[in-house]
Amino acid sequence: MGLTVLEIEVGNPADPEVTEKIEFLIDSGAIYSVVPTPILQNLGIEPLTEQAFRLADGSKIVRKKGGARFKYEGQIGVADVVFGEEGDSVLLGAFTLESLGLVLDPLRRELKPLPMMLAGLSA
């Protein structure tokens, strides 16, 4: 199984003209995306809360979390973002993929449009 790495624009939802292209490891098994703290600070993105995470070895860590704007090939979405610290991987998680209307094809290791459904009553 290979890895999927893509360059995606990240920005501040309050100032969408200022963005930075970042190379992400696409991790559809991760909930949140992780971006290095200095990049988020340069974009003016402020942390809104803290989130506890459990690592594979069972230990717990706490990271700051905020919101960011993501853009990939014309698709734009806003999703939670974790303020990555030294040693953290730069990841694009499931919430961000869904906000972009995309899904990772596990066989081809590429992003594809996510079939979007809107539940409601028909007239």
Foldseek 3Di string as FASTA:
>chain_A
DDWAKDWKWKAAPVDVVDIDTDIATEDQPDAAFEDAQVRCVVRVWDFDAKDWDADPVGDIDIWTKTKIWIDDPHFIFIDIYTHDDPPDHGHHYNRNCVRSQWDQDVVVRDIDGHDDDDDDDDD
